[in-house]
Amino acid sequence: MSIHTSPNPLANLFETYKLNDTITLNNRILMAPLTRCMADADLVPTAEMIAYYARRADAGLIITEATIIRPDGQGYPNTPGIYTQAQIAGWRKVTDAVHAEGGKIFVQLWHTGRVAHPHFFGGGDVLAPSAQKIEGSVPRMRELTYVTPKPATLEDIQGLVRDYAKAAENAIEAGFDGVEIHGANGYLIDAFLHHDSNRRTDEYGGTPEKMSRFALEVVDAIIARIGKNRTGLRLSPGAYFNMATDSRDRAVFDYLLPELETRDIAFVHIGIFDDSMEFDYLGGRASSYVRAHYGKTLVGVGSYSAETASEAIAADKFDLIAIGRPFIANPDYIARVRDGLELVPYSDEMLATLV
C-alpha cells in the first residue's frame, strides 16, 4: 500500500527562476528594499549591515536598501551611498558575505529628487523636474521641512544620467550581481513620470514620450555600462506616495512599459506598499495593469504573505515576489516558510536595530 503525502502548497515559491542567461535565482522570493538608515556618518555600510544582509542570503535575490548615487540625492539620515571609494569598499564586504552564503544581491540605486534636503549635503539646490514642493518634513528629522526644488536644467539632467551610470559601474566594482534602478515612490525618476510633479514644457515634459525620456535615458545608460542582464527597474504607475494622482499618468506608462520591454532588462518591480490598492485610471491594481502591458519578468510586492504570493504566482499575476517587513522580523524567512514554521510578527520597534 502506497502512502501519498500532500504536496507543499507553496512549492512554486521554491522553484529556481532563470532571470536571463547569466543569472538564475535559487527561489522566487526576493528580499524587498528596506530603508534602515543605519550607515555610518560617511554613508558607508557598517559591520552590522554586513551581518544583516548575510543572514538573509537564502532569498532568491536580495535587493538592498535604497542607496544614493550622489550627495544631493539624500533625503533621509544615514542612508548608504555608492559614490565614494569608501562606500564601494564597504559594500564589497556586504556582497562578499552574501556570496559566501550562496546568495545573490542587487543594489537599489536612488536619488530622492524633491524629497532630498540640503541639510544632508551642505546646502545647495534640491533637483526635481519642476518647482513643485511637497509638504511635510523629513522622517526621523521632523525639524527639517521640505524645500521648493529647482527644476533640473538640461545640463543637470545629463549629469544625473552620467551619475546613475557611474553608480552602476561602482556597484559592479563592489561585487553586486546587478542593480535595481529606483524609479518609484515619488523620488526623482518617478517624479518625471507623473503630471503632478512634472510640469515641464521642454523635451522632458508634456507628452508620454517626453515624460518617459529621463527614465529611459537612465536605463539605457546603465545598460550600456553594465549590461541589460544586470539591470532591473522599480516603477509606480499609480501615484500614491509623495505624489497626487492624475488620470493622465496612465498614458505615460502605456508608452513606457512597451519601451522597457524592448530593452529586455532583468525585471520590472512594482513599487507599492499594498497591492490591494486600486487606481481608477489603471483599471484596478498596479500589478495587474503592469502585467497587462509588460510581458517579461515582473516582481510583485505589497503586503503579500507567502500563501497569497504563491497563489498570485500560480495565477500568473507576476513571476517573483518581493517580501519586506517579514524579512526584518525573520532573518530566516525562507527556511521558516519552506518548513512551515510560524513567522515572528513584525513590529516597528524592530527598526531600532539591525538583527
Protein backbone atom coordinates (compact mmCIF):
# COMPACT_ATOMS: atom_id res chain seq x y z
CA MET A 1 0.00 0.00 0.00
CA SER A 2 1.49 3.35 -1.05
CA ILE A 3 1.23 6.41 1.14
CA HIS A 4 0.59 9.71 -0.64
CA THR A 5 1.91 12.83 1.04
CA SER A 6 0.23 16.08 0.16
CA PRO A 7 2.41 18.38 -1.96
CA ASN A 8 3.73 21.58 -0.41
CA PRO A 9 1.14 24.21 -1.40
CA LEU A 10 3.94 26.80 -1.54
CA ALA A 11 6.25 24.71 -3.70
CA ASN A 12 6.21 27.21 -6.58
CA LEU A 13 7.97 29.77 -4.36
CA PHE A 14 10.97 27.46 -4.08
CA GLU A 15 11.45 26.77 -7.77
CA THR A 16 14.60 28.13 -9.35
CA TYR A 17 13.95 31.04 -11.71
CA LYS A 18 16.11 31.98 -14.67
CA LEU A 19 16.23 35.77 -14.89
CA ASN A 20 18.39 35.57 -18.02
CA ASP A 21 21.39 33.75 -19.46
CA THR A 22 23.70 34.93 -16.67
CA ILE A 23 21.54 34.96 -13.52
CA THR A 24 19.43 32.12 -12.10
CA LEU A 25 17.73 32.60 -8.74
CA ASN A 26 17.55 29.78 -6.18
CA ASN A 27 13.90 30.59 -5.46
CA ARG A 28 11.22 33.10 -6.39
CA ILE A 29 11.31 35.08 -3.12
CA LEU A 30 13.17 38.39 -3.16
CA MET A 31 14.08 40.47 -0.14
CA ALA A 32 12.48 43.82 -0.89
CA PRO A 33 14.47 47.05 -0.49
CA LEU A 34 14.00 48.27 3.09
CA THR A 35 15.39 51.65 4.14
CA ARG A 36 17.08 51.20 7.52
CA CYS A 37 19.10 54.44 7.98
CA MET A 38 21.96 52.55 9.62
CA ALA A 39 25.01 53.52 7.53
CA ASP A 40 27.82 55.42 9.25
CA ALA A 41 28.41 59.19 9.14
CA ASP A 42 30.14 58.85 5.75
CA LEU A 43 27.24 56.75 4.44
CA VAL A 44 29.44 53.64 4.40
CA PRO A 45 27.90 50.23 5.19
CA THR A 46 28.74 49.02 8.69
CA ALA A 47 29.67 45.65 10.17
CA GLU A 48 26.07 45.33 11.38
CA MET A 49 24.84 45.80 7.81
CA ILE A 50 27.21 43.12 6.55
CA ALA A 51 25.82 40.61 9.05
CA TYR A 52 22.22 41.74 8.44
CA TYR A 53 22.36 41.02 4.71
CA ALA A 54 24.41 37.82 5.06
CA ARG A 55 21.75 36.36 7.39
CA ARG A 56 19.18 36.80 4.61
CA ALA A 57 21.24 35.29 1.78
CA ASP A 58 18.73 32.43 1.37
CA ALA A 59 16.48 34.85 -0.54
CA GLY A 60 16.43 34.18 -4.26
CA LEU A 61 17.69 37.75 -4.61
CA ILE A 62 18.36 40.47 -2.07
CA ILE A 63 17.60 44.00 -3.21
CA THR A 64 19.42 46.33 -0.85
CA GLU A 65 18.02 49.32 0.91
CA ALA A 66 17.89 52.34 -1.41
CA THR A 67 21.42 53.65 -1.94
CA ILE A 68 22.14 57.18 -3.11
CA ILE A 69 24.07 57.80 -6.31
CA ARG A 70 25.50 61.19 -5.26
CA PRO A 71 25.35 63.59 -2.29
CA ASP A 72 22.38 65.70 -3.43
CA GLY A 73 20.28 62.56 -3.70
CA GLN A 74 20.00 62.17 0.08
CA GLY A 75 16.66 62.71 1.79
CA TYR A 76 16.94 60.62 4.96
CA PRO A 77 19.63 60.28 7.65
CA ASN A 78 22.36 57.64 7.34
CA THR A 79 21.23 56.14 4.06
CA PRO A 80 24.20 54.46 2.36
CA GLY A 81 25.82 55.79 -0.78
CA ILE A 82 27.73 54.21 -3.64
CA TYR A 83 29.72 57.17 -4.97
CA THR A 84 32.91 57.15 -2.86
CA GLN A 85 35.66 54.57 -2.71
CA ALA A 86 34.96 54.02 0.99
CA GLN A 87 31.32 53.28 0.23
CA ILE A 88 32.25 50.91 -2.59
CA ALA A 89 34.68 49.10 -0.27
CA GLY A 90 32.01 48.88 2.44
CA TRP A 91 29.51 47.38 0.03
CA ARG A 92 32.15 44.91 -1.20
CA LYS A 93 32.21 43.44 2.31
CA VAL A 94 28.42 43.04 2.14
CA THR A 95 28.43 41.36 -1.26
CA ASP A 96 31.30 39.06 -0.29
CA ALA A 97 29.38 37.97 2.81
CA VAL A 98 26.16 37.33 0.85
CA HIS A 99 28.00 35.43 -1.88
CA ALA A 100 29.83 33.33 0.73
CA GLU A 101 26.38 32.16 1.88
CA GLY A 102 25.34 31.31 -1.68
CA GLY A 103 23.13 34.36 -2.19
CA LYS A 104 22.66 36.96 -4.90
CA ILE A 105 22.33 40.69 -4.32
CA PHE A 106 21.38 43.78 -6.37
CA VAL A 107 21.83 47.31 -5.06
CA GLN A 108 18.93 49.73 -5.44
CA LEU A 109 20.18 52.99 -6.98
CA TRP A 110 18.42 56.06 -5.61
CA HIS A 111 18.10 59.79 -6.00
CA THR A 112 15.30 61.16 -3.85
CA GLY A 113 14.64 64.20 -6.08
CA ARG A 114 12.33 66.71 -4.42
CA VAL A 115 12.34 64.60 -1.25
CA ALA A 116 16.04 65.44 -0.79
CA HIS A 117 17.10 68.04 1.80
CA PRO A 118 20.09 70.43 1.66
CA HIS A 119 20.85 69.62 5.31
CA PHE A 120 22.39 66.35 4.19
CA PHE A 121 24.73 67.70 1.51
CA GLY A 122 25.88 71.03 2.91
CA GLY A 123 23.38 73.27 1.17
CA GLY A 124 22.59 73.88 -2.47
CA ASP A 125 19.72 73.06 -4.77
CA VAL A 126 17.26 70.23 -4.49
CA LEU A 127 16.71 68.95 -8.04
CA ALA A 128 13.39 67.83 -9.48
CA PRO A 129 11.57 68.01 -12.81
CA SER A 130 9.66 71.13 -11.71
CA ALA A 131 9.42 73.58 -8.82
CA GLN A 132 6.64 71.56 -7.18
CA LYS A 133 7.27 71.37 -3.44
CA ILE A 134 5.91 68.58 -1.30
CA GLU A 135 4.53 69.42 2.11
CA GLY A 136 5.84 67.94 5.30
CA SER A 137 9.15 67.18 6.90
CA VAL A 138 11.93 64.60 6.76
CA PRO A 139 11.09 61.33 8.56
CA ARG A 140 13.17 60.85 11.73
CA MET A 141 14.18 64.54 11.50
CA ARG A 142 10.90 66.41 11.78
CA GLU A 143 12.65 69.76 12.26
CA LEU A 144 13.67 69.65 8.58
CA THR A 145 10.81 70.77 6.35
CA TYR A 146 10.92 70.21 2.62
CA VAL A 147 12.08 72.97 0.28
CA THR A 148 10.94 74.08 -3.15
CA PRO A 149 13.10 72.23 -5.67
CA LYS A 150 14.95 73.72 -8.61
CA PRO A 151 13.78 72.45 -11.99
CA ALA A 152 16.67 70.42 -13.36
CA THR A 153 18.32 72.05 -16.37
CA LEU A 154 19.25 70.03 -19.43
CA GLU A 155 22.83 70.11 -18.17
CA ASP A 156 21.67 68.89 -14.75
CA ILE A 157 19.79 66.02 -16.39
CA GLN A 158 22.81 64.96 -18.44
CA GLY A 159 24.88 64.95 -15.24
CA LEU A 160 22.29 62.85 -13.43
CA VAL A 161 22.22 60.27 -16.21
CA ARG A 162 26.02 60.06 -16.09
CA ASP A 163 25.96 59.66 -12.31
CA TYR A 164 23.39 56.85 -12.44
CA ALA A 165 25.62 55.03 -14.92
CA LYS A 166 28.70 55.64 -12.77
CA ALA A 167 26.86 54.34 -9.70
CA ALA A 168 26.00 51.17 -11.64
CA GLU A 169 29.65 50.77 -12.57
CA ASN A 170 30.57 51.29 -8.90
CA ALA A 171 28.05 48.59 -7.96
CA ILE A 172 29.77 46.03 -10.14
CA GLU A 173 33.13 47.09 -8.66
CA ALA A 174 31.56 46.49 -5.24
CA GLY A 175 30.66 42.94 -6.24
CA PHE A 176 26.92 43.30 -6.78
CA ASP A 177 25.21 40.90 -9.17
CA GLY A 178 23.30 43.84 -10.62
CA VAL A 179 21.31 46.96 -9.84
CA GLU A 180 17.68 47.92 -9.41
CA ILE A 181 17.02 51.49 -10.52
CA HIS A 182 14.61 53.12 -8.09
CA GLY A 183 12.05 54.64 -10.43
CA ALA A 184 9.15 54.55 -7.97
CA ASN A 185 7.54 56.09 -4.87
CA GLY A 186 7.72 59.76 -5.85
CA TYR A 187 11.52 60.00 -5.99
CA LEU A 188 13.47 61.62 -8.83
CA ILE A 189 12.80 59.27 -11.75
CA ASP A 190 9.18 58.73 -10.72
CA ALA A 191 8.67 62.49 -10.46
CA PHE A 192 9.35 62.79 -14.20
CA LEU A 193 6.67 60.16 -14.90
CA HIS A 194 3.70 61.88 -13.22
CA HIS A 195 1.88 65.07 -14.13
CA ASP A 196 1.60 66.26 -10.53
CA SER A 197 5.38 66.63 -10.25
CA ASN A 198 6.36 67.16 -13.89
CA ARG A 199 5.08 70.47 -15.28
CA ARG A 200 7.85 70.85 -17.85
CA THR A 201 7.26 72.07 -21.40
CA ASP A 202 10.63 71.06 -22.87
CA GLU A 203 11.81 67.67 -24.16
CA TYR A 204 11.30 66.13 -20.69
CA GLY A 205 7.65 67.03 -20.13
CA GLY A 206 4.17 67.41 -21.56
CA THR A 207 3.73 64.16 -23.51
CA PRO A 208 4.12 60.49 -22.56
CA GLU A 209 7.22 60.21 -24.75
CA LYS A 210 8.88 63.28 -23.26
CA MET A 211 7.93 62.43 -19.67
CA SER A 212 9.42 58.95 -20.15
CA ARG A 213 12.64 60.28 -21.65
CA PHE A 214 14.64 60.67 -18.42
CA ALA A 215 13.73 57.19 -17.13
CA LEU A 216 14.70 55.60 -20.43
CA GLU A 217 17.93 57.58 -20.67
CA VAL A 218 18.92 56.32 -17.22
CA VAL A 219 18.02 52.73 -18.13
CA ASP A 220 19.91 52.94 -21.43
CA ALA A 221 22.99 54.49 -19.83
CA ILE A 222 23.11 51.75 -17.19
CA ILE A 223 22.59 49.00 -19.77
CA ALA A 224 25.44 50.47 -21.80
CA ARG A 225 27.67 50.43 -18.71
CA ILE A 226 26.86 47.06 -17.06
CA GLY A 227 24.52 45.17 -19.42
CA LYS A 228 20.78 44.54 -19.58
CA ASN A 229 21.04 41.26 -17.64
CA ARG A 230 22.24 43.14 -14.56
CA THR A 231 19.67 45.95 -14.77
CA GLY A 232 16.26 46.00 -13.06
CA LEU A 233 13.78 48.84 -12.54
CA ARG A 234 11.17 49.63 -9.90
CA LEU A 235 8.10 51.57 -11.05
CA SER A 236 4.96 53.08 -9.50
CA PRO A 237 2.34 53.55 -12.26
CA GLY A 238 -0.20 54.56 -9.61
CA ALA A 239 0.68 57.82 -7.85
CA TYR A 240 0.21 57.27 -4.13
CA PHE A 241 3.34 58.31 -2.20
CA ASN A 242 4.84 61.83 -2.25
CA MET A 243 2.52 62.39 -5.21
CA ALA A 244 -1.03 63.39 -6.17
CA THR A 245 -2.93 61.24 -8.64
CA ASP A 246 -3.64 62.37 -12.19
CA SER A 247 -5.53 60.20 -14.68
CA ARG A 248 -3.22 61.42 -17.48
CA ASP A 249 -0.40 59.41 -15.89
CA ARG A 250 -1.72 56.20 -17.42
CA ALA A 251 -0.75 57.31 -20.91
CA VAL A 252 2.84 57.81 -19.72
CA PHE A 253 3.09 54.21 -18.53
CA ASP A 254 1.19 52.93 -21.58
CA TYR A 255 4.14 54.31 -23.54
CA LEU A 256 6.94 53.49 -21.09
CA LEU A 257 6.24 49.81 -20.42
CA PRO A 258 6.46 48.59 -24.05
CA GLU A 259 9.63 50.66 -24.44
CA LEU A 260 11.11 48.87 -21.44
CA GLU A 261 10.06 45.50 -22.82
CA THR A 262 12.16 46.09 -25.94
CA ARG A 263 15.21 46.61 -23.69
CA ASP A 264 14.87 43.11 -22.19
CA ILE A 265 16.10 44.10 -18.72
CA ALA A 266 16.34 41.66 -15.80
CA PHE A 267 12.97 42.59 -14.30
CA VAL A 268 10.42 45.27 -13.57
CA HIS A 269 9.44 45.55 -9.90
CA ILE A 270 6.18 47.18 -8.78
CA GLY A 271 6.63 49.99 -6.25
CA ILE A 272 3.58 49.76 -3.97
CA PHE A 273 3.12 49.40 -0.22
CA ASP A 274 -0.13 47.43 -0.53
CA ASP A 275 -1.04 45.78 -3.82
CA SER A 276 -4.71 45.57 -2.84
CA MET A 277 -4.84 49.33 -3.55
CA GLU A 278 -6.76 50.09 -6.73
CA PHE A 279 -6.40 53.01 -9.14
CA ASP A 280 -9.37 54.03 -11.27
CA TYR A 281 -7.21 55.22 -14.14
CA LEU A 282 -5.25 51.95 -14.19
CA GLY A 283 -8.39 49.85 -14.10
CA GLY A 284 -7.51 48.22 -10.77
CA ARG A 285 -4.29 47.11 -9.13
CA ALA A 286 -0.93 48.45 -10.27
CA SER A 287 0.43 44.92 -10.65
CA SER A 288 -2.47 43.85 -12.87
CA TYR A 289 -2.00 46.92 -15.03
CA VAL A 290 1.73 46.31 -15.48
CA ARG A 291 1.20 42.60 -16.19
CA ALA A 292 -1.18 43.53 -19.00
CA HIS A 293 1.31 45.95 -20.56
CA TYR A 294 4.66 44.26 -19.90
CA GLY A 295 5.37 40.69 -20.95
CA LYS A 296 8.71 39.97 -19.30
CA THR A 297 9.76 39.18 -15.72
CA LEU A 298 7.60 41.04 -13.20
CA VAL A 299 8.19 41.28 -9.45
CA GLY A 300 5.13 41.72 -7.26
CA VAL A 301 5.19 43.36 -3.84
CA GLY A 302 2.86 44.93 -1.32
CA SER A 303 1.63 43.16 1.81
CA TYR A 304 1.66 39.65 0.37
CA SER A 305 2.08 36.62 2.60
CA ALA A 306 3.85 33.53 1.33
CA GLU A 307 0.42 31.96 0.77
CA THR A 308 -1.09 34.86 -1.18
CA ALA A 309 2.14 35.31 -3.15
CA SER A 310 2.16 31.63 -4.11
CA GLU A 311 -1.44 31.90 -5.30
CA ALA A 312 -0.67 35.06 -7.31
CA ILE A 313 2.34 33.43 -8.99
CA ALA A 314 0.27 30.32 -9.77
CA ALA A 315 -2.33 32.60 -11.35
CA ASP A 316 0.43 34.28 -13.44
CA LYS A 317 -0.13 37.69 -11.86
CA PHE A 318 3.64 38.09 -11.56
CA ASP A 319 6.73 35.88 -11.66
CA LEU A 320 8.59 36.72 -8.44
CA ILE A 321 7.56 38.11 -5.07
CA ALA A 322 9.44 40.70 -3.00
CA ILE A 323 8.88 40.37 0.75
CA GLY A 324 9.58 43.33 3.00
CA ARG A 325 8.79 43.67 6.68
CA PRO A 326 8.59 39.92 7.37
CA PHE A 327 12.27 39.78 6.35
CA ILE A 328 13.09 42.35 9.03
CA ALA A 329 11.34 40.23 11.65
CA ASN A 330 12.61 36.88 10.32
CA PRO A 331 16.20 36.73 9.06
CA ASP A 332 15.46 33.05 8.36
CA TYR A 333 12.22 33.85 6.49
CA ILE A 334 12.98 31.43 3.63
CA ALA A 335 13.63 28.47 5.94
CA ARG A 336 10.57 29.22 8.07
CA VAL A 337 8.24 29.37 5.07
CA ARG A 338 9.78 26.30 3.46
CA ASP A 339 9.50 24.29 6.69
CA GLY A 340 6.03 25.55 7.59
CA LEU A 341 7.19 27.28 10.77
CA GLU A 342 5.41 30.20 12.36
CA LEU A 343 6.75 33.65 11.49
CA VAL A 344 7.76 36.22 14.07
CA PRO A 345 5.34 39.16 13.62
CA TYR A 346 6.84 42.47 12.52
CA SER A 347 6.71 45.47 14.84
CA ASP A 348 8.06 49.00 14.42
CA GLU A 349 10.36 48.56 17.43
CA MET A 350 12.43 46.26 15.22
CA LEU A 351 13.56 49.29 13.22
CA ALA A 352 15.80 50.41 16.11
CA THR A 353 18.41 47.70 15.46
CA LEU A 354 19.76 45.55 12.64
CA VAL A 355 19.20 41.90 13.55
